[in-house]
Amino acid sequence: METEARWTADQVLALAPDAASRKAGARLATPSPWSGTGVAGAAVWGLCKGSGGTPYQTVVDVSGPAFRCSCPSRKFPCKHALGLLLLWAEGDAGPIAPSGAPEWVEQWTAARRKKAESQAAGPAAEKAAGPADPEAAKRRADRRAIRVEGGAAELEQRLTDLLRGGLAGADRDGYKQWDEVAARMVDAQAPGLAARVRDLGTVPAGGGDWPSRMLEETALLHLLARGYLGRERLPVPLAETVRTRVGFTVDSAELLAGPTVRGHWLVLAQYDTADDRLTTRRIWLYDEAAGRFALLLSFGAAGRAPELVLPVGVVIDAEVAYYPSALPLRAVLGTQHGTAPAEAVPRGVAVAAALDSYGVALADDPWLDAWPVVLADVVPIPGDVRWQVADATREEAIPVAGGAPQWRLAALSGGHPVTAFGELGPTGFRPLAAWPASTPTPVPLAP
């Protein structure tokens, strides 16, 4: 697979960490501020004039992709990298032509190759060496298991008290009570339980029939706590799912040291969510030949974008390792062997088939909040309360999740059937990408 395939402007702009970066990058997509530009293999570089006397050195490895810029921006990629890529996306007619790489570009690419080789050798070496002190590691794991058990038991008692007092009055004490319970779960080393408790505390603020939603979320939280307390009696894949949902993690290096899955992965969507502690980036991959999805998660401290960036619409020849689960979805990205542009629209399924697959998935993982589906021949239509995505040839339809970008999907459709990718969840379908008029490159819909 070739690594020099040019991206489209939409693919470049989809990499931007926020709307301000997209606008700033677009303003720099002109030849005037740039000098010393060039492209060789997977490297694209240039010097961008800034406010000072020294231009910023900007280089991008499009096979990663990876970015480096000498500007002081904390955003990733910065506006200079976006502007450079937009110029490169113009193709051979644009201002960036093949040339020999300057020394500063060669030094950076050489350092990247050395780091990649070290990372590739690292997991194998660690696996061969084994843990430094297996007995100590086992003692730490046992102590944590006991702490989490105590937290799950305490959470069960809190939920019992809540139900005994009645859900309809759960909003009287505000968020403070839930913040206290979440803090107790953090002390018990169960961050997954803590996160779900915090989410539970936001339900009353949503208005509407919030007591029903509170009952649903409380039931799922109860099921998770009981599942952990009785994990020895669960099938191994389900027990792993429970451990993950409670907050136990597996080191990515350890995963990559084990079995990996190589495929040609189409990057379907990339989007960020943020709170006051963390920015989370979700990247969906799809290997159509094998019919499997993979979800990559990357994290950044509050106010900073995560470093993992993949252009939507590019096909990556890569290895991934799935986290243990009854429903393997989340994965870690391993060795990449090359990239190429998408050549065809993926085959989608009918709305009814997508709903059936979601039901089967929930049986394996009741706490699943997003199930990936590619829908074929669907049309967005307005409704009395919410928009819907309707099957163009059948009677089935799915409500669009609240806050989802239905207007952009409607504009792409123009009233005609399109193929759309998105997440199915408890509140409906969240469209994340669409293919209008059989275009092989998806148009990102996520904000």
Protein backbone atom coordinates (compact mmCIF):
# COMPACT_ATOMS: atom_id res chain seq x y z
CA MET A 1 0.00 0.00 0.00
CA GLU A 2 1.32 3.45 -0.91
CA THR A 3 1.96 6.00 1.79
CA GLU A 4 2.05 9.08 -0.44
CA ALA A 5 -1.68 9.21 -1.25
CA ARG A 6 -2.98 12.78 -1.05
CA TRP A 7 -5.80 13.55 1.32
CA THR A 8 -8.80 15.73 0.62
CA ALA A 9 -9.38 19.08 2.29
CA ASP A 10 -12.25 17.57 4.30
CA GLN A 11 -9.95 14.85 5.61
CA VAL A 12 -7.36 17.43 6.66
CA LEU A 13 -9.90 19.67 8.40
CA ALA A 14 -11.35 16.67 10.24
CA LEU A 15 -8.00 16.36 12.04
CA ALA A 16 -8.37 19.79 13.65
CA PRO A 17 -8.78 19.69 17.44
CA ASP A 18 -11.46 22.41 17.38
CA ALA A 19 -13.33 24.87 15.16
CA ALA A 20 -10.86 27.68 15.85
CA SER A 21 -7.98 25.52 14.59
CA ARG A 22 -9.93 24.68 11.43
CA LYS A 23 -10.44 28.37 10.65
CA ALA A 24 -6.85 29.30 11.45
CA GLY A 25 -5.48 26.41 9.40
CA ALA A 26 -7.65 27.36 6.42
CA ARG A 27 -6.26 30.92 6.55
CA LEU A 28 -2.72 29.52 6.30
CA ALA A 29 -3.56 27.36 3.27
CA THR A 30 -2.03 29.87 0.85
CA PRO A 31 1.52 29.94 -0.55
CA SER A 32 2.34 33.44 0.74
CA PRO A 33 3.41 32.59 4.33
CA TRP A 34 5.27 29.44 3.29
CA SER A 35 8.79 28.82 2.04
CA GLY A 36 11.07 25.81 1.76
CA THR A 37 8.15 23.44 1.24
CA GLY A 38 8.57 19.93 -0.08
CA VAL A 39 7.39 16.33 0.00
CA ALA A 40 9.37 13.10 -0.08
CA GLY A 41 7.83 9.72 0.64
CA ALA A 42 5.52 10.18 3.63
CA ALA A 43 7.07 13.46 4.84
CA VAL A 44 5.62 16.88 4.04
CA TRP A 45 7.37 19.99 5.34
CA GLY A 46 7.63 23.73 5.13
CA LEU A 47 8.65 26.96 6.86
CA CYS A 48 5.77 29.21 7.90
CA LYS A 49 6.25 32.90 8.59
CA GLY A 50 5.07 33.84 12.06
CA SER A 51 5.00 36.95 14.21
CA GLY A 52 8.74 36.69 14.98
CA GLY A 53 11.74 36.84 12.73
CA THR A 54 12.30 33.07 12.60
CA PRO A 55 9.78 31.01 10.59
CA TYR A 56 8.18 27.98 12.19
CA GLN A 57 9.51 24.60 11.08
CA THR A 58 6.53 22.36 10.32
CA VAL A 59 6.71 18.73 9.23
CA VAL A 60 4.09 15.99 8.95
CA ASP A 61 4.54 12.26 8.51
CA VAL A 62 1.33 11.37 6.68
CA SER A 63 1.85 7.64 7.20
CA GLY A 64 1.25 8.05 10.95
CA PRO A 65 0.12 10.65 10.85
CA ALA A 66 2.55 12.47 13.13
CA PHE A 67 3.22 16.19 13.46
CA ARG A 68 6.02 18.46 14.57
CA CYS A 69 6.06 22.24 14.62
CA SER A 70 8.39 24.67 16.36
CA CYS A 71 5.50 27.00 17.24
CA PRO A 72 4.44 27.27 20.91
CA SER A 73 0.87 26.06 20.33
CA ARG A 74 -0.47 23.38 22.66
CA LYS A 75 -3.02 22.24 20.10
CA PHE A 76 -2.37 19.05 18.18
CA PRO A 77 -2.14 19.32 15.23
CA CYS A 78 -1.50 23.05 15.25
CA LYS A 79 -2.79 25.51 12.66
CA HIS A 80 0.53 25.46 10.80
CA ALA A 81 0.36 21.68 10.29
CA LEU A 82 -3.24 22.01 9.09
CA GLY A 83 -2.36 24.80 6.66
CA LEU A 84 0.59 22.80 5.32
CA LEU A 85 -1.57 19.72 4.78
CA LEU A 86 -4.24 21.77 3.02
CA LEU A 87 -1.60 23.02 0.58
CA TRP A 88 -0.35 19.46 0.10
CA ALA A 89 -3.92 18.24 -0.50
CA GLU A 90 -4.11 20.42 -3.62
CA GLY A 91 -2.03 17.78 -5.41
CA ASP A 92 0.73 18.16 -7.99
CA ALA A 93 -0.77 21.46 -9.17
CA GLY A 94 -0.26 22.94 -5.70
CA PRO A 95 2.79 24.72 -4.28
CA ILE A 96 4.30 21.64 -2.55
CA ALA A 97 6.48 19.65 -4.95
CA PRO A 98 8.75 16.61 -4.46
CA SER A 99 12.25 17.56 -3.31
CA GLY A 100 15.10 16.47 -1.11
CA ALA A 101 14.39 16.74 2.62
CA PRO A 102 16.39 19.32 4.63
CA GLU A 103 18.48 18.19 7.58
CA TRP A 104 15.92 19.12 10.24
CA VAL A 105 13.28 16.97 8.51
CA GLU A 106 15.66 14.03 8.11
CA GLN A 107 16.60 14.22 11.80
CA TRP A 108 12.95 14.12 12.84
CA THR A 109 12.01 11.25 10.53
CA ALA A 110 15.09 9.29 11.63
CA ALA A 111 14.12 9.79 15.28
CA ARG A 112 10.61 8.55 14.50
CA ARG A 113 11.96 5.41 12.83
CA LYS A 114 14.22 4.70 15.80
CA LYS A 115 11.34 5.18 18.24
CA ALA A 116 9.08 2.89 16.20
CA GLU A 117 11.76 0.17 16.17
CA SER A 118 12.23 0.52 19.92
CA GLN A 119 8.49 0.29 20.56
CA ALA A 120 8.22 -2.76 18.32
CA ALA A 121 10.98 -4.52 20.24
CA GLY A 122 9.80 -3.35 23.66
CA PRO A 123 6.68 -5.53 24.14
CA ALA A 124 8.50 -8.68 23.03
CA ALA A 125 11.38 -7.99 25.42
CA GLU A 126 9.02 -7.25 28.30
CA LYS A 127 7.06 -10.41 27.62
CA ALA A 128 10.25 -12.48 27.61
CA ALA A 129 11.52 -10.89 30.80
CA GLY A 130 8.19 -11.20 32.62
CA PRO A 131 7.23 -9.08 35.66
CA ALA A 132 10.05 -7.94 37.89
CA ASP A 133 8.39 -9.41 40.96
CA PRO A 134 5.36 -11.57 40.11
CA GLU A 135 4.53 -12.22 43.77
CA ALA A 136 4.46 -8.50 44.57
CA ALA A 137 2.32 -7.84 41.51
CA LYS A 138 -0.13 -10.54 42.63
CA ARG A 139 -0.32 -9.06 46.14
CA ARG A 140 -1.10 -5.61 44.70
CA ALA A 141 -3.79 -7.08 42.45
CA ASP A 142 -5.35 -8.96 45.36
CA ARG A 143 -5.40 -5.84 47.53
CA ARG A 144 -7.08 -3.84 44.79
CA ALA A 145 -9.66 -6.57 44.19
CA ILE A 146 -10.60 -6.44 47.88
CA ARG A 147 -10.91 -2.63 47.78
CA VAL A 148 -13.11 -2.75 44.69
CA GLU A 149 -15.29 -5.42 46.30
CA GLY A 150 -15.79 -3.12 49.27
CA GLY A 151 -16.70 -0.25 46.95
CA ALA A 152 -19.18 -2.38 45.00
CA ALA A 153 -20.82 -3.56 48.22
CA GLU A 154 -21.09 0.03 49.49
CA LEU A 155 -22.57 1.13 46.17
CA GLU A 156 -25.20 -1.62 46.45
CA GLN A 157 -26.23 -0.27 49.84
CA ARG A 158 -26.41 3.30 48.49
CA LEU A 159 -28.65 2.18 45.63
CA THR A 160 -30.86 0.28 48.06
CA ASP A 161 -31.26 3.43 50.17
CA LEU A 162 -32.05 5.42 47.03
CA LEU A 163 -34.80 3.05 45.95
CA ARG A 164 -36.20 2.84 49.47
CA GLY A 165 -36.54 6.62 49.56
CA GLY A 166 -38.08 6.79 46.10
CA LEU A 167 -36.51 7.92 42.82
CA ALA A 168 -38.91 10.83 42.40
CA GLY A 169 -37.15 12.69 45.21
CA ALA A 170 -33.62 11.96 44.02
CA ASP A 171 -33.22 15.52 42.75
CA ARG A 172 -33.78 17.23 46.10
CA ASP A 173 -30.22 17.00 47.36
CA GLY A 174 -28.72 18.02 44.02
CA TYR A 175 -25.45 16.69 42.70
CA LYS A 176 -23.60 16.75 46.01
CA GLN A 177 -24.74 13.29 47.12
CA TRP A 178 -23.57 11.73 43.85
CA ASP A 179 -20.24 13.52 44.00
CA GLU A 180 -19.71 12.01 47.44
CA VAL A 181 -20.54 8.50 46.25
CA ALA A 182 -18.29 8.92 43.20
CA ALA A 183 -15.42 9.99 45.48
CA ARG A 184 -15.93 6.83 47.53
CA MET A 185 -15.67 4.72 44.37
CA VAL A 186 -12.43 6.49 43.46
CA ASP A 187 -11.09 5.67 46.92
CA ALA A 188 -12.07 2.05 46.25
CA GLN A 189 -10.00 2.11 43.03
CA ALA A 190 -13.10 1.61 40.86
CA PRO A 191 -12.99 4.58 38.44
CA GLY A 192 -15.53 2.96 36.11
CA LEU A 193 -18.11 2.83 38.89
CA ALA A 194 -17.25 6.42 39.83
CA ALA A 195 -17.86 7.64 36.27
CA ARG A 196 -21.25 5.93 36.06
CA VAL A 197 -22.24 7.40 39.43
CA ARG A 198 -21.35 10.89 38.18
CA ASP A 199 -23.45 10.29 35.07
CA LEU A 200 -26.32 9.17 37.30
CA GLY A 201 -26.16 12.48 39.13
CA THR A 202 -26.76 14.42 35.89
CA VAL A 203 -29.98 12.60 34.98
CA PRO A 204 -32.42 14.81 36.97
CA ALA A 205 -31.03 17.91 35.26
CA GLY A 206 -32.10 16.47 31.90
CA GLY A 207 -35.77 17.14 32.65
CA GLY A 208 -38.61 15.25 31.04
CA ASP A 209 -39.30 11.79 32.38
CA TRP A 210 -36.03 11.71 34.27
CA PRO A 211 -37.26 9.25 36.99
CA SER A 212 -37.62 6.56 34.29
CA ARG A 213 -34.14 7.24 32.99
CA MET A 214 -32.85 7.23 36.57
CA LEU A 215 -34.39 3.81 37.11
CA GLU A 216 -32.77 2.45 33.94
CA GLU A 217 -29.32 3.79 34.84
CA THR A 218 -29.66 2.65 38.45
CA ALA A 219 -30.53 -0.86 37.27
CA LEU A 220 -27.45 -0.98 35.03
CA LEU A 221 -25.25 0.27 37.86
CA HIS A 222 -26.72 -2.36 40.20
CA LEU A 223 -26.10 -5.04 37.57
CA LEU A 224 -22.47 -3.96 37.21
CA ALA A 225 -21.83 -3.97 40.97
CA ARG A 226 -23.47 -7.37 41.37
CA GLY A 227 -21.57 -8.66 38.36
CA TYR A 228 -18.25 -7.75 39.93
CA LEU A 229 -19.16 -9.25 43.30
CA GLY A 230 -20.12 -12.50 41.55
CA ARG A 231 -17.45 -12.43 38.85
CA GLU A 232 -16.12 -15.92 39.68
CA ARG A 233 -19.41 -17.40 38.49
CA LEU A 234 -19.43 -15.52 35.17
CA PRO A 235 -18.09 -16.81 31.84
CA VAL A 236 -14.54 -15.54 31.35
CA PRO A 237 -15.36 -13.10 28.47
CA LEU A 238 -18.24 -11.56 30.45
CA ALA A 239 -16.09 -11.35 33.59
CA GLU A 240 -13.49 -9.44 31.56
CA THR A 241 -16.20 -7.06 30.35
CA VAL A 242 -17.29 -6.45 33.95
CA ARG A 243 -13.71 -5.80 35.04
CA THR A 244 -13.25 -3.29 32.23
CA ARG A 245 -16.51 -1.48 33.03
CA VAL A 246 -15.58 -1.30 36.72
CA GLY A 247 -12.30 0.35 35.81
CA PHE A 248 -9.57 -2.25 35.53
CA THR A 249 -7.20 -1.59 32.65
CA VAL A 250 -4.77 -3.60 30.57
CA ASP A 251 -1.46 -2.05 29.54
CA SER A 252 -1.37 -1.42 25.80
CA ALA A 253 2.20 -2.76 25.54
CA GLU A 254 1.02 -5.99 27.13
CA LEU A 255 -1.80 -6.26 24.62
CA LEU A 256 0.50 -5.67 21.66
CA ALA A 257 2.89 -8.32 22.99
CA GLY A 258 0.07 -10.85 22.56
CA PRO A 259 -2.03 -11.80 19.52
CA THR A 260 -2.78 -8.98 17.08
CA VAL A 261 -5.17 -8.71 14.16
CA ARG A 262 -3.88 -7.32 10.87
CA GLY A 263 -6.32 -5.81 8.43
CA HIS A 264 -7.03 -2.99 6.02
CA TRP A 265 -8.84 -0.59 8.33
CA LEU A 266 -10.97 2.21 6.96
CA VAL A 267 -10.98 5.24 9.29
CA LEU A 268 -14.70 5.92 9.61
CA ALA A 269 -14.87 8.71 12.17
CA GLN A 270 -12.91 10.70 14.72
CA TYR A 271 -14.33 13.03 17.36
CA ASP A 272 -13.54 14.41 20.81
CA THR A 273 -15.54 14.71 24.01
CA ALA A 274 -14.31 16.72 26.98
CA ASP A 275 -15.04 17.39 30.62
CA ASP A 276 -13.19 19.40 33.23
CA ARG A 277 -10.62 16.63 33.71
CA LEU A 278 -10.00 14.93 30.39
CA THR A 279 -10.38 15.13 26.62
CA THR A 280 -11.27 11.78 25.06
CA ARG A 281 -10.83 11.08 21.36
CA ARG A 282 -12.79 8.23 19.77
CA ILE A 283 -11.62 6.84 16.42
CA TRP A 284 -13.67 4.16 14.67
CA LEU A 285 -11.97 1.73 12.27
CA TYR A 286 -13.65 -0.84 10.01
CA ASP A 287 -12.13 -3.88 8.31
CA GLU A 288 -14.80 -4.66 5.73
CA ALA A 289 -13.18 -7.88 4.54
CA ALA A 290 -13.47 -9.36 8.03
CA GLY A 291 -16.65 -7.44 8.96
CA ARG A 292 -15.19 -6.12 12.21
CA PHE A 293 -14.94 -2.73 13.88
CA ALA A 294 -12.28 -1.39 16.23
CA LEU A 295 -12.53 1.57 18.57
CA LEU A 296 -9.36 3.46 19.43
CA LEU A 297 -9.40 5.74 22.47
CA SER A 298 -6.84 8.45 23.09
CA PHE A 299 -6.73 10.86 26.02
CA GLY A 300 -5.40 14.32 26.71
CA ALA A 301 -5.34 16.45 29.83
CA ALA A 302 -8.09 19.04 30.12
CA GLY A 303 -7.61 21.71 27.48
CA ARG A 304 -5.18 19.65 25.41
CA ALA A 305 -6.04 17.50 22.41
CA PRO A 306 -5.00 13.82 22.43
CA GLU A 307 -2.02 12.97 20.26
CA LEU A 308 -3.49 10.08 18.25
CA VAL A 309 -4.82 11.48 14.97
CA LEU A 310 -6.01 9.52 11.93
CA PRO A 311 -7.51 11.07 8.78
CA VAL A 312 -11.09 10.02 8.09
CA GLY A 313 -11.42 8.13 4.81
CA VAL A 314 -7.91 6.68 4.75
CA VAL A 315 -7.38 2.91 4.70
CA ILE A 316 -4.61 1.78 7.05
CA ASP A 317 -2.81 -1.51 6.67
CA ALA A 318 -2.17 -2.07 10.36
CA GLU A 319 -2.23 -4.45 13.29
CA VAL A 320 -4.55 -3.92 16.24
CA ALA A 321 -4.91 -5.72 19.54
CA TYR A 322 -8.34 -5.97 21.14
CA TYR A 323 -8.92 -5.55 24.85
CA PRO A 324 -10.37 -8.66 26.55
CA SER A 325 -14.15 -8.52 26.42
CA ALA A 326 -17.26 -10.53 25.64
CA LEU A 327 -17.79 -8.03 22.83
CA PRO A 328 -14.37 -7.04 21.40
CA LEU A 329 -14.56 -3.43 20.20
CA ARG A 330 -11.98 -1.33 21.97
CA ALA A 331 -8.49 -1.89 20.61
CA VAL A 332 -4.99 -0.43 20.59
CA LEU A 333 -3.21 0.43 17.35
CA GLY A 334 -0.03 -1.49 16.66
CA THR A 335 2.37 -1.54 13.73
CA GLN A 336 1.24 0.35 10.63
CA HIS A 337 2.41 -0.99 7.29
CA GLY A 338 1.03 1.70 4.97
CA THR A 339 -1.98 3.78 3.99
CA ALA A 340 -4.08 4.28 0.89
CA PRO A 341 -7.22 6.24 -0.02
CA ALA A 342 -10.57 4.47 0.20
CA GLU A 343 -11.63 3.03 -3.13
CA ALA A 344 -15.27 2.11 -2.50
CA VAL A 345 -18.19 2.81 -0.22
CA PRO A 346 -18.46 0.07 2.43
CA ARG A 347 -21.44 -2.24 2.23
CA GLY A 348 -24.07 -1.22 4.74
CA VAL A 349 -27.01 -3.01 6.29
CA ALA A 350 -30.70 -2.24 6.53
CA VAL A 351 -32.09 -0.44 9.56
CA ALA A 352 -33.80 -3.60 10.85
CA ALA A 353 -30.56 -5.59 10.63
CA ALA A 354 -28.68 -2.83 12.47
CA LEU A 355 -31.23 -2.87 15.30
CA ASP A 356 -31.00 -6.65 15.52
CA SER A 357 -27.21 -6.49 15.77
CA TYR A 358 -27.50 -3.87 18.52
CA GLY A 359 -29.82 -6.14 20.50
CA VAL A 360 -27.38 -9.05 20.22
CA ALA A 361 -24.54 -6.77 21.32
CA LEU A 362 -26.44 -5.64 24.41
CA ALA A 363 -26.90 -9.26 25.42
CA ASP A 364 -23.10 -9.57 25.55
CA ASP A 365 -22.46 -6.15 27.11
CA PRO A 366 -25.51 -4.54 28.82
CA TRP A 367 -23.45 -1.42 29.60
CA LEU A 368 -22.64 -0.74 25.95
CA ASP A 369 -23.20 2.95 25.18
CA ALA A 370 -22.31 2.98 21.47
CA TRP A 371 -22.64 0.23 18.85
CA PRO A 372 -21.10 0.95 15.41
CA VAL A 373 -23.25 0.39 12.31
CA VAL A 374 -23.00 1.26 8.61
CA LEU A 375 -26.50 1.89 7.26
CA ALA A 376 -27.19 1.49 3.54
CA ASP A 377 -29.78 3.51 1.60
CA VAL A 378 -31.15 5.67 4.39
CA VAL A 379 -32.78 9.08 4.23
CA PRO A 380 -32.91 11.61 7.09
CA ILE A 381 -36.45 12.89 7.65
CA PRO A 382 -37.80 15.44 10.15
CA GLY A 383 -40.22 14.30 12.84
CA ASP A 384 -42.60 15.91 15.29
CA VAL A 385 -40.06 15.74 18.11
CA ARG A 386 -36.83 14.42 16.60
CA TRP A 387 -35.36 13.64 13.22
CA GLN A 388 -35.24 10.06 12.04
CA VAL A 389 -33.03 8.04 9.72
CA ALA A 390 -35.41 5.99 7.60
CA ASP A 391 -34.79 2.99 5.39
CA ALA A 392 -35.40 4.08 1.79
CA THR A 393 -36.89 0.72 0.75
CA ARG A 394 -38.57 -0.48 3.95
CA GLU A 395 -40.71 0.91 6.74
CA GLU A 396 -38.13 0.87 9.54
CA ALA A 397 -36.58 4.04 10.95
CA ILE A 398 -34.30 5.02 13.85
CA PRO A 399 -34.59 8.29 15.81
CA VAL A 400 -31.54 10.53 15.59
CA ALA A 401 -29.90 11.00 18.98
CA GLY A 402 -30.38 14.39 20.55
CA GLY A 403 -27.74 16.93 19.58
CA ALA A 404 -26.54 14.88 16.60
CA PRO A 405 -25.69 16.76 13.36
CA GLN A 406 -28.91 15.92 11.50
CA TRP A 407 -28.84 19.08 9.36
CA ARG A 408 -25.46 18.22 7.87
CA LEU A 409 -26.65 14.73 7.08
CA ALA A 410 -29.83 16.15 5.53
CA ALA A 411 -27.79 18.53 3.39
CA LEU A 412 -25.57 15.69 2.15
CA SER A 413 -28.59 13.54 1.39
CA GLY A 414 -30.67 16.18 -0.37
CA GLY A 415 -33.63 13.84 0.06
CA HIS A 416 -31.83 10.94 -1.66
CA PRO A 417 -30.60 7.69 -0.06
CA VAL A 418 -27.06 7.72 1.34
CA THR A 419 -24.80 5.32 3.19
CA ALA A 420 -24.18 6.53 6.73
CA PHE A 421 -21.97 5.41 9.59
CA GLY A 422 -22.75 6.14 13.20
CA GLU A 423 -23.29 4.87 16.72
CA LEU A 424 -26.46 3.22 17.94
CA GLY A 425 -27.20 3.95 21.58
CA PRO A 426 -30.04 4.13 24.08
CA THR A 427 -31.26 7.48 22.68
CA GLY A 428 -31.01 6.62 18.99
CA PHE A 429 -28.57 6.87 16.10
CA ARG A 430 -25.69 9.35 16.14
CA PRO A 431 -24.51 9.93 12.54
CA LEU A 432 -20.74 10.40 12.30
CA ALA A 433 -20.00 10.09 8.56
CA ALA A 434 -21.83 9.70 5.26
CA TRP A 435 -21.07 8.85 1.65
CA PRO A 436 -23.11 10.99 -0.77
CA ALA A 437 -23.54 9.93 -4.41
CA SER A 438 -21.28 6.86 -4.09
CA THR A 439 -18.20 8.93 -3.23
CA PRO A 440 -15.61 6.54 -1.72
CA THR A 441 -14.36 9.08 0.82
CA PRO A 442 -16.73 9.63 3.75
CA VAL A 443 -17.73 13.14 4.76
CA PRO A 444 -17.23 13.61 8.55
CA LEU A 445 -20.35 14.68 10.44
CA ALA A 446 -19.00 14.73 13.98
CA PRO A 447 -18.31 18.22 15.36
